[in-house]
Amino acid sequence: MHTICEFLNLEFDPEMLQPYEKQSEKMTDGIHAETRMIGDIGFHEHRDIDPSVADRWKQHQLARDLNTTTWGLAQALGYAAP
């Protein structure tokens, strides 16, 4: 989280390490009682940040190749081209 905050030029807050605490204070429901939440429907089942999720995308083959501009940006961010 420190690295993400630094990258986004945001001030780090220790509560960022506990995103699933105080769930009743999070805006996770729809705007009306009968509407469903938008986003992670399993949010209330999570307890901790799972760092393995950050690399889960690497397990899937891309539907199509990325263009050279996109790969240039990815490499600038530290990702290696295949």
PDB file of N, CA and C in Angstrom:
ATOM      1  N   MET A   1       0.828  -1.190   0.000  1.00  0.00           N
ATOM      2  CA  MET A   1       0.000   0.000   0.000  1.00  0.00           C
ATOM      3  C   MET A   1       0.872   1.253   0.000  1.00  0.00           C
ATOM      4  N   HIS A   2       2.006   1.177   0.680  1.00  0.00           N
ATOM      5  CA  HIS A   2       2.921   2.329   0.666  1.00  0.00           C
ATOM      6  C   HIS A   2       3.360   2.632  -0.766  1.00  0.00           C
ATOM      7  N   THR A   3       3.700   1.586  -1.508  1.00  0.00           N
ATOM      8  CA  THR A   3       4.164   1.763  -2.881  1.00  0.00           C
ATOM      9  C   THR A   3       3.054   2.311  -3.776  1.00  0.00           C
ATOM     10  N   ILE A   4       1.847   1.808  -3.602  1.00  0.00           N
ATOM     11  CA  ILE A   4       0.717   2.298  -4.391  1.00  0.00           C
ATOM     12  C   ILE A   4       0.463   3.771  -4.097  1.00  0.00           C
ATOM     13  N   CYS A   5       0.457   4.129  -2.831  1.00  0.00           N
ATOM     14  CA  CYS A   5       0.243   5.528  -2.452  1.00  0.00           C
ATOM     15  C   CYS A   5       1.334   6.426  -3.033  1.00  0.00           C
ATOM     16  N   GLU A   6       2.561   5.944  -2.964  1.00  0.00           N
ATOM     17  CA  GLU A   6       3.675   6.729  -3.511  1.00  0.00           C
ATOM     18  C   GLU A   6       3.501   6.907  -5.018  1.00  0.00           C
ATOM     19  N   PHE A   7       3.144   5.829  -5.715  1.00  0.00           N
ATOM     20  CA  PHE A   7       2.944   5.874  -7.161  1.00  0.00           C
ATOM     21  C   PHE A   7       1.822   6.844  -7.529  1.00  0.00           C
ATOM     22  N   LEU A   8       0.739   6.839  -6.751  1.00  0.00           N
ATOM     23  CA  LEU A   8      -0.418   7.703  -7.026  1.00  0.00           C
ATOM     24  C   LEU A   8      -0.305   9.082  -6.397  1.00  0.00           C
ATOM     25  N   ASN A   9       0.824   9.308  -5.718  1.00  0.00           N
ATOM     26  CA  ASN A   9       1.060  10.588  -5.046  1.00  0.00           C
ATOM     27  C   ASN A   9      -0.050  10.875  -4.019  1.00  0.00           C
ATOM     28  N   LEU A  10      -0.386   9.845  -3.250  1.00  0.00           N
ATOM     29  CA  LEU A  10      -1.391   9.951  -2.194  1.00  0.00           C
ATOM     30  C   LEU A  10      -0.720   9.804  -0.840  1.00  0.00           C
ATOM     31  N   GLU A  11      -1.293  10.448   0.144  1.00  0.00           N
ATOM     32  CA  GLU A  11      -0.790  10.290   1.506  1.00  0.00           C
ATOM     33  C   GLU A  11      -1.232   8.934   2.039  1.00  0.00           C
ATOM     34  N   PHE A  12      -0.293   8.194   2.595  1.00  0.00           N
ATOM     35  CA  PHE A  12      -0.618   6.883   3.162  1.00  0.00           C
ATOM     36  C   PHE A  12      -1.375   7.061   4.467  1.00  0.00           C
ATOM     37  N   ASP A  13      -2.407   6.242   4.648  1.00  0.00           N
ATOM     38  CA  ASP A  13      -3.159   6.195   5.897  1.00  0.00           C
ATOM     39  C   ASP A  13      -3.157   4.741   6.350  1.00  0.00           C
ATOM     40  N   PRO A  14      -2.775   4.456   7.600  1.00  0.00           N
ATOM     41  CA  PRO A  14      -2.714   3.066   8.078  1.00  0.00           C
ATOM     42  C   PRO A  14      -4.025   2.288   7.896  1.00  0.00           C
ATOM     43  N   GLU A  15      -5.152   2.980   7.856  1.00  0.00           N
ATOM     44  CA  GLU A  15      -6.431   2.284   7.663  1.00  0.00           C
ATOM     45  C   GLU A  15      -6.533   1.648   6.281  1.00  0.00           C
ATOM     46  N   MET A  16      -5.685   2.082   5.342  1.00  0.00           N
ATOM     47  CA  MET A  16      -5.677   1.467   4.016  1.00  0.00           C
ATOM     48  C   MET A  16      -5.264  -0.003   4.087  1.00  0.00           C
ATOM     49  N   LEU A  17      -4.557  -0.370   5.146  1.00  0.00           N
ATOM     50  CA  LEU A  17      -4.131  -1.755   5.321  1.00  0.00           C
ATOM     51  C   LEU A  17      -5.249  -2.640   5.852  1.00  0.00           C
ATOM     52  N   GLN A  18      -6.348  -2.039   6.245  1.00  0.00           N
ATOM     53  CA  GLN A  18      -7.487  -2.773   6.804  1.00  0.00           C
ATOM     54  C   GLN A  18      -8.765  -2.415   6.044  1.00  0.00           C
ATOM     55  N   PRO A  19      -8.826  -2.659   4.730  1.00  0.00           N
ATOM     56  CA  PRO A  19      -9.987  -2.219   3.952  1.00  0.00           C
ATOM     57  C   PRO A  19     -11.292  -2.920   4.316  1.00  0.00           C
ATOM     58  N   TYR A  20     -11.211  -4.050   4.996  1.00  0.00           N
ATOM     59  CA  TYR A  20     -12.416  -4.797   5.315  1.00  0.00           C
ATOM     60  C   TYR A  20     -12.901  -4.567   6.743  1.00  0.00           C
ATOM     61  N   GLU A  21     -12.217  -3.693   7.484  1.00  0.00           N
ATOM     62  CA  GLU A  21     -12.670  -3.317   8.817  1.00  0.00           C
ATOM     63  C   GLU A  21     -13.824  -2.328   8.684  1.00  0.00           C
ATOM     64  N   LYS A  22     -14.634  -2.236   9.709  1.00  0.00           N
ATOM     65  CA  LYS A  22     -15.739  -1.271   9.750  1.00  0.00           C
ATOM     66  C   LYS A  22     -16.597  -1.345   8.490  1.00  0.00           C
ATOM     67  N   GLN A  23     -16.959  -2.567   8.095  1.00  0.00           N
ATOM     68  CA  GLN A  23     -17.706  -2.754   6.859  1.00  0.00           C
ATOM     69  C   GLN A  23     -19.039  -2.022   6.862  1.00  0.00           C
ATOM     70  N   SER A  24     -19.631  -1.846   8.037  1.00  0.00           N
ATOM     71  CA  SER A  24     -20.918  -1.137   8.092  1.00  0.00           C
ATOM     72  C   SER A  24     -20.772   0.329   7.722  1.00  0.00           C
ATOM     73  N   GLU A  25     -19.537   0.848   7.762  1.00  0.00           N
ATOM     74  CA  GLU A  25     -19.294   2.249   7.411  1.00  0.00           C
ATOM     75  C   GLU A  25     -18.902   2.423   5.943  1.00  0.00           C
ATOM     76  N   LYS A  26     -18.792   1.330   5.209  1.00  0.00           N
ATOM     77  CA  LYS A  26     -18.403   1.393   3.801  1.00  0.00           C
ATOM     78  C   LYS A  26     -19.652   1.559   2.934  1.00  0.00           C
ATOM     79  N   MET A  27     -19.495   2.246   1.839  1.00  0.00           N
ATOM     80  CA  MET A  27     -20.607   2.409   0.908  1.00  0.00           C
ATOM     81  C   MET A  27     -20.587   1.231  -0.066  1.00  0.00           C
ATOM     82  N   THR A  28     -21.115   0.097   0.377  1.00  0.00           N
ATOM     83  CA  THR A  28     -21.073  -1.113  -0.436  1.00  0.00           C
ATOM     84  C   THR A  28     -22.440  -1.523  -0.952  1.00  0.00           C
ATOM     85  N   ASP A  29     -23.495  -0.918  -0.473  1.00  0.00           N
ATOM     86  CA  ASP A  29     -24.837  -1.252  -0.934  1.00  0.00           C
ATOM     87  C   ASP A  29     -25.235  -0.340  -2.076  1.00  0.00           C
ATOM     88  N   GLY A  30     -26.317  -0.694  -2.743  1.00  0.00           N
ATOM     89  CA  GLY A  30     -26.853   0.178  -3.766  1.00  0.00           C
ATOM     90  C   GLY A  30     -27.434   1.432  -3.128  1.00  0.00           C
ATOM     91  N   ILE A  31     -27.827   2.384  -3.953  1.00  0.00           N
ATOM     92  CA  ILE A  31     -28.347   3.641  -3.407  1.00  0.00           C
ATOM     93  C   ILE A  31     -29.754   3.487  -2.834  1.00  0.00           C
ATOM     94  N   HIS A  32     -30.429   2.414  -3.192  1.00  0.00           N
ATOM     95  CA  HIS A  32     -31.750   2.107  -2.639  1.00  0.00           C
ATOM     96  C   HIS A  32     -31.688   0.736  -1.965  1.00  0.00           C
ATOM     97  N   ALA A  33     -32.509   0.528  -0.976  1.00  0.00           N
ATOM     98  CA  ALA A  33     -32.484  -0.729  -0.209  1.00  0.00           C
ATOM     99  C   ALA A  33     -32.663  -1.959  -1.100  1.00  0.00           C
ATOM    100  N   GLU A  34     -33.445  -1.842  -2.160  1.00  0.00           N
ATOM    101  CA  GLU A  34     -33.734  -3.001  -3.006  1.00  0.00           C
ATOM    102  C   GLU A  34     -32.703  -3.218  -4.119  1.00  0.00           C
ATOM    103  N   THR A  35     -31.720  -2.331  -4.234  1.00  0.00           N
ATOM    104  CA  THR A  35     -30.719  -2.493  -5.281  1.00  0.00           C
ATOM    105  C   THR A  35     -29.509  -3.252  -4.760  1.00  0.00           C
ATOM    106  N   ARG A  36     -28.820  -3.878  -5.692  1.00  0.00           N
ATOM    107  CA  ARG A  36     -27.627  -4.650  -5.329  1.00  0.00           C
ATOM    108  C   ARG A  36     -26.399  -3.763  -5.360  1.00  0.00           C
ATOM    109  N   MET A  37     -25.382  -4.215  -4.658  1.00  0.00           N
ATOM    110  CA  MET A  37     -24.138  -3.455  -4.656  1.00  0.00           C
ATOM    111  C   MET A  37     -23.451  -3.559  -6.007  1.00  0.00           C
ATOM    112  N   ILE A  38     -22.653  -2.559  -6.327  1.00  0.00           N
ATOM    113  CA  ILE A  38     -21.846  -2.562  -7.531  1.00  0.00           C
ATOM    114  C   ILE A  38     -20.405  -2.799  -7.083  1.00  0.00           C
ATOM    115  N   GLY A  39     -19.720  -3.682  -7.747  1.00  0.00           N
ATOM    116  CA  GLY A  39     -18.337  -3.951  -7.380  1.00  0.00           C
ATOM    117  C   GLY A  39     -18.149  -5.385  -6.947  1.00  0.00           C
ATOM    118  N   ASP A  40     -17.290  -5.598  -5.986  1.00  0.00           N
ATOM    119  CA  ASP A  40     -16.935  -6.933  -5.508  1.00  0.00           C
ATOM    120  C   ASP A  40     -18.074  -7.490  -4.661  1.00  0.00           C
ATOM    121  N   ILE A  41     -18.851  -8.414  -5.245  1.00  0.00           N
ATOM    122  CA  ILE A  41     -19.989  -8.958  -4.507  1.00  0.00           C
ATOM    123  C   ILE A  41     -19.545  -9.825  -3.329  1.00  0.00           C
ATOM    124  N   GLY A  42     -18.269 -10.208  -3.303  1.00  0.00           N
ATOM    125  CA  GLY A  42     -17.736 -10.985  -2.195  1.00  0.00           C
ATOM    126  C   GLY A  42     -17.044 -10.111  -1.146  1.00  0.00           C
ATOM    127  N   PHE A  43     -17.202  -8.787  -1.248  1.00  0.00           N
ATOM    128  CA  PHE A  43     -16.509  -7.861  -0.354  1.00  0.00           C
ATOM    129  C   PHE A  43     -16.674  -8.235   1.112  1.00  0.00           C
ATOM    130  N   HIS A  44     -17.880  -8.567   1.509  1.00  0.00           N
ATOM    131  CA  HIS A  44     -18.150  -8.849   2.927  1.00  0.00           C
ATOM    132  C   HIS A  44     -17.575 -10.189   3.390  1.00  0.00           C
ATOM    133  N   GLU A  45     -17.085 -10.991   2.448  1.00  0.00           N
ATOM    134  CA  GLU A  45     -16.487 -12.271   2.807  1.00  0.00           C
ATOM    135  C   GLU A  45     -14.973 -12.157   3.008  1.00  0.00           C
ATOM    136  N   HIS A  46     -14.370 -11.084   2.504  1.00  0.00           N
ATOM    137  CA  HIS A  46     -12.925 -10.897   2.628  1.00  0.00           C
ATOM    138  C   HIS A  46     -12.564 -10.451   4.039  1.00  0.00           C
ATOM    139  N   ARG A  47     -11.368 -10.812   4.466  1.00  0.00           N
ATOM    140  CA  ARG A  47     -10.891 -10.412   5.791  1.00  0.00           C
ATOM    141  C   ARG A  47      -9.586  -9.611   5.714  1.00  0.00           C
ATOM    142  N   ASP A  48      -8.719  -9.965   4.769  1.00  0.00           N
ATOM    143  CA  ASP A  48      -7.412  -9.323   4.629  1.00  0.00           C
ATOM    144  C   ASP A  48      -7.130  -9.074   3.160  1.00  0.00           C
ATOM    145  N   ILE A  49      -6.147  -8.215   2.900  1.00  0.00           N
ATOM    146  CA  ILE A  49      -5.666  -8.011   1.540  1.00  0.00           C
ATOM    147  C   ILE A  49      -4.898  -9.254   1.126  1.00  0.00           C
ATOM    148  N   ASP A  50      -5.229  -9.793  -0.035  1.00  0.00           N
ATOM    149  CA  ASP A  50      -4.551 -10.980  -0.558  1.00  0.00           C
ATOM    150  C   ASP A  50      -3.588 -10.534  -1.651  1.00  0.00           C
ATOM    151  N   PRO A  51      -2.289 -10.456  -1.344  1.00  0.00           N
ATOM    152  CA  PRO A  51      -1.327  -9.957  -2.332  1.00  0.00           C
ATOM    153  C   PRO A  51      -1.250 -10.795  -3.605  1.00  0.00           C
ATOM    154  N   SER A  52      -1.642 -12.065  -3.550  1.00  0.00           N
ATOM    155  CA  SER A  52      -1.561 -12.912  -4.743  1.00  0.00           C
ATOM    156  C   SER A  52      -2.540 -12.469  -5.826  1.00  0.00           C
ATOM    157  N   VAL A  53      -3.560 -11.729  -5.459  1.00  0.00           N
ATOM    158  CA  VAL A  53      -4.549 -11.273  -6.431  1.00  0.00           C
ATOM    159  C   VAL A  53      -3.925 -10.310  -7.441  1.00  0.00           C
ATOM    160  N   ALA A  54      -2.916  -9.568  -7.025  1.00  0.00           N
ATOM    161  CA  ALA A  54      -2.275  -8.580  -7.899  1.00  0.00           C
ATOM    162  C   ALA A  54      -1.678  -9.217  -9.144  1.00  0.00           C
ATOM    163  N   ASP A  55      -1.249 -10.461  -9.057  1.00  0.00           N
ATOM    164  CA  ASP A  55      -0.628 -11.129 -10.197  1.00  0.00           C
ATOM    165  C   ASP A  55      -1.526 -12.183 -10.836  1.00  0.00           C
ATOM    166  N   ARG A  56      -2.755 -12.267 -10.406  1.00  0.00           N
ATOM    167  CA  ARG A  56      -3.660 -13.301 -10.920  1.00  0.00           C
ATOM    168  C   ARG A  56      -3.881 -13.170 -12.427  1.00  0.00           C
ATOM    169  N   TRP A  57      -3.834 -11.943 -12.935  1.00  0.00           N
ATOM    170  CA  TRP A  57      -4.045 -11.726 -14.362  1.00  0.00           C
ATOM    171  C   TRP A  57      -3.018 -12.456 -15.218  1.00  0.00           C
ATOM    172  N   LYS A  58      -1.838 -12.736 -14.650  1.00  0.00           N
ATOM    173  CA  LYS A  58      -0.776 -13.384 -15.406  1.00  0.00           C
ATOM    174  C   LYS A  58      -1.109 -14.839 -15.740  1.00  0.00           C
ATOM    175  N   GLN A  59      -2.101 -15.403 -15.081  1.00  0.00           N
ATOM    176  CA  GLN A  59      -2.492 -16.791 -15.312  1.00  0.00           C
ATOM    177  C   GLN A  59      -3.374 -16.937 -16.542  1.00  0.00           C
ATOM    178  N   HIS A  60      -3.813 -15.827 -17.114  1.00  0.00           N
ATOM    179  CA  HIS A  60      -4.758 -15.866 -18.237  1.00  0.00           C
ATOM    180  C   HIS A  60      -4.091 -15.376 -19.520  1.00  0.00           C
ATOM    181  N   GLN A  61      -4.420 -16.035 -20.602  1.00  0.00           N
ATOM    182  CA  GLN A  61      -3.926 -15.618 -21.907  1.00  0.00           C
ATOM    183  C   GLN A  61      -4.765 -14.426 -22.366  1.00  0.00           C
ATOM    184  N   LEU A  62      -4.107 -13.394 -22.864  1.00  0.00           N
ATOM    185  CA  LEU A  62      -4.835 -12.244 -23.369  1.00  0.00           C
ATOM    186  C   LEU A  62      -5.636 -12.633 -24.601  1.00  0.00           C
ATOM    187  N   ALA A  63      -6.828 -12.076 -24.739  1.00  0.00           N
ATOM    188  CA  ALA A  63      -7.683 -12.385 -25.881  1.00  0.00           C
ATOM    189  C   ALA A  63      -7.030 -11.929 -27.186  1.00  0.00           C
ATOM    190  N   ARG A  64      -6.242 -10.855 -27.133  1.00  0.00           N
ATOM    191  CA  ARG A  64      -5.516 -10.388 -28.309  1.00  0.00           C
ATOM    192  C   ARG A  64      -4.245  -9.692 -27.833  1.00  0.00           C
ATOM    193  N   ASP A  65      -3.325  -9.529 -28.738  1.00  0.00           N
ATOM    194  CA  ASP A  65      -2.068  -8.883 -28.381  1.00  0.00           C
ATOM    195  C   ASP A  65      -2.280  -7.400 -28.090  1.00  0.00           C
ATOM    196  N   LEU A  66      -1.477  -6.879 -27.202  1.00  0.00           N
ATOM    197  CA  LEU A  66      -1.514  -5.450 -26.911  1.00  0.00           C
ATOM    198  C   LEU A  66      -0.697  -4.708 -27.962  1.00  0.00           C
ATOM    199  N   ASN A  67      -1.083  -3.475 -28.259  1.00  0.00           N
ATOM    200  CA  ASN A  67      -0.331  -2.726 -29.266  1.00  0.00           C
ATOM    201  C   ASN A  67       0.989  -2.228 -28.690  1.00  0.00           C
ATOM    202  N   THR A  68       1.850  -1.730 -29.534  1.00  0.00           N
ATOM    203  CA  THR A  68       3.191  -1.333 -29.108  1.00  0.00           C
ATOM    204  C   THR A  68       3.175  -0.181 -28.119  1.00  0.00           C
ATOM    205  N   THR A  69       2.211   0.729 -28.248  1.00  0.00           N
ATOM    206  CA  THR A  69       2.121   1.842 -27.302  1.00  0.00           C
ATOM    207  C   THR A  69       1.816   1.320 -25.901  1.00  0.00           C
ATOM    208  N   THR A  70       0.894   0.363 -25.824  1.00  0.00           N
ATOM    209  CA  THR A  70       0.531  -0.225 -24.531  1.00  0.00           C
ATOM    210  C   THR A  70       1.718  -0.959 -23.932  1.00  0.00           C
ATOM    211  N   TRP A  71       2.451  -1.731 -24.744  1.00  0.00           N
ATOM    212  CA  TRP A  71       3.626  -2.439 -24.233  1.00  0.00           C
ATOM    213  C   TRP A  71       4.697  -1.457 -23.800  1.00  0.00           C
ATOM    214  N   GLY A  72       4.816  -0.329 -24.506  1.00  0.00           N
ATOM    215  CA  GLY A  72       5.785   0.689 -24.106  1.00  0.00           C
ATOM    216  C   GLY A  72       5.479   1.226 -22.724  1.00  0.00           C
ATOM    217  N   LEU A  73       4.207   1.490 -22.461  1.00  0.00           N
ATOM    218  CA  LEU A  73       3.794   1.962 -21.140  1.00  0.00           C
ATOM    219  C   LEU A  73       4.042   0.884 -20.091  1.00  0.00           C
ATOM    220  N   ALA A  74       3.689  -0.351 -20.421  1.00  0.00           N
ATOM    221  CA  ALA A  74       3.886  -1.457 -19.474  1.00  0.00           C
ATOM    222  C   ALA A  74       5.357  -1.600 -19.118  1.00  0.00           C
ATOM    223  N   GLN A  75       6.227  -1.501 -20.105  1.00  0.00           N
ATOM    224  CA  GLN A  75       7.661  -1.621 -19.847  1.00  0.00           C
ATOM    225  C   GLN A  75       8.167  -0.435 -19.021  1.00  0.00           C
ATOM    226  N   ALA A  76       7.620   0.756 -19.274  1.00  0.00           N
ATOM    227  CA  ALA A  76       7.998   1.931 -18.481  1.00  0.00           C
ATOM    228  C   ALA A  76       7.606   1.752 -17.010  1.00  0.00           C
ATOM    229  N   LEU A  77       6.560   0.960 -16.776  1.00  0.00           N
ATOM    230  CA  LEU A  77       6.099   0.689 -15.411  1.00  0.00           C
ATOM    231  C   LEU A  77       6.791  -0.530 -14.805  1.00  0.00           C
ATOM    232  N   GLY A  78       7.713  -1.131 -15.570  1.00  0.00           N
ATOM    233  CA  GLY A  78       8.496  -2.228 -15.010  1.00  0.00           C
ATOM    234  C   GLY A  78       8.080  -3.615 -15.432  1.00  0.00           C
ATOM    235  N   TYR A  79       7.120  -3.741 -16.340  1.00  0.00           N
ATOM    236  CA  TYR A  79       6.694  -5.059 -16.802  1.00  0.00           C
ATOM    237  C   TYR A  79       7.527  -5.470 -18.003  1.00  0.00           C
ATOM    238  N   ALA A  80       7.841  -6.742 -18.084  1.00  0.00           N
ATOM    239  CA  ALA A  80       8.623  -7.250 -19.205  1.00  0.00           C
ATOM    240  C   ALA A  80       7.674  -7.691 -20.310  1.00  0.00           C
ATOM    241  N   ALA A  81       7.997  -7.346 -21.542  1.00  0.00           N
ATOM    242  CA  ALA A  81       7.212  -7.799 -22.686  1.00  0.00           C
ATOM    243  C   ALA A  81       7.445  -9.299 -22.858  1.00  0.00           C
ATOM    244  N   PRO A  82       6.424 -10.004 -23.325  1.00  0.00           N
ATOM    245  CA  PRO A  82       6.582 -11.472 -23.488  1.00  0.00           C
ATOM    246  C   PRO A  82       7.557 -11.809 -24.588  1.00  0.00           C
TER     247      PRO A  82
END
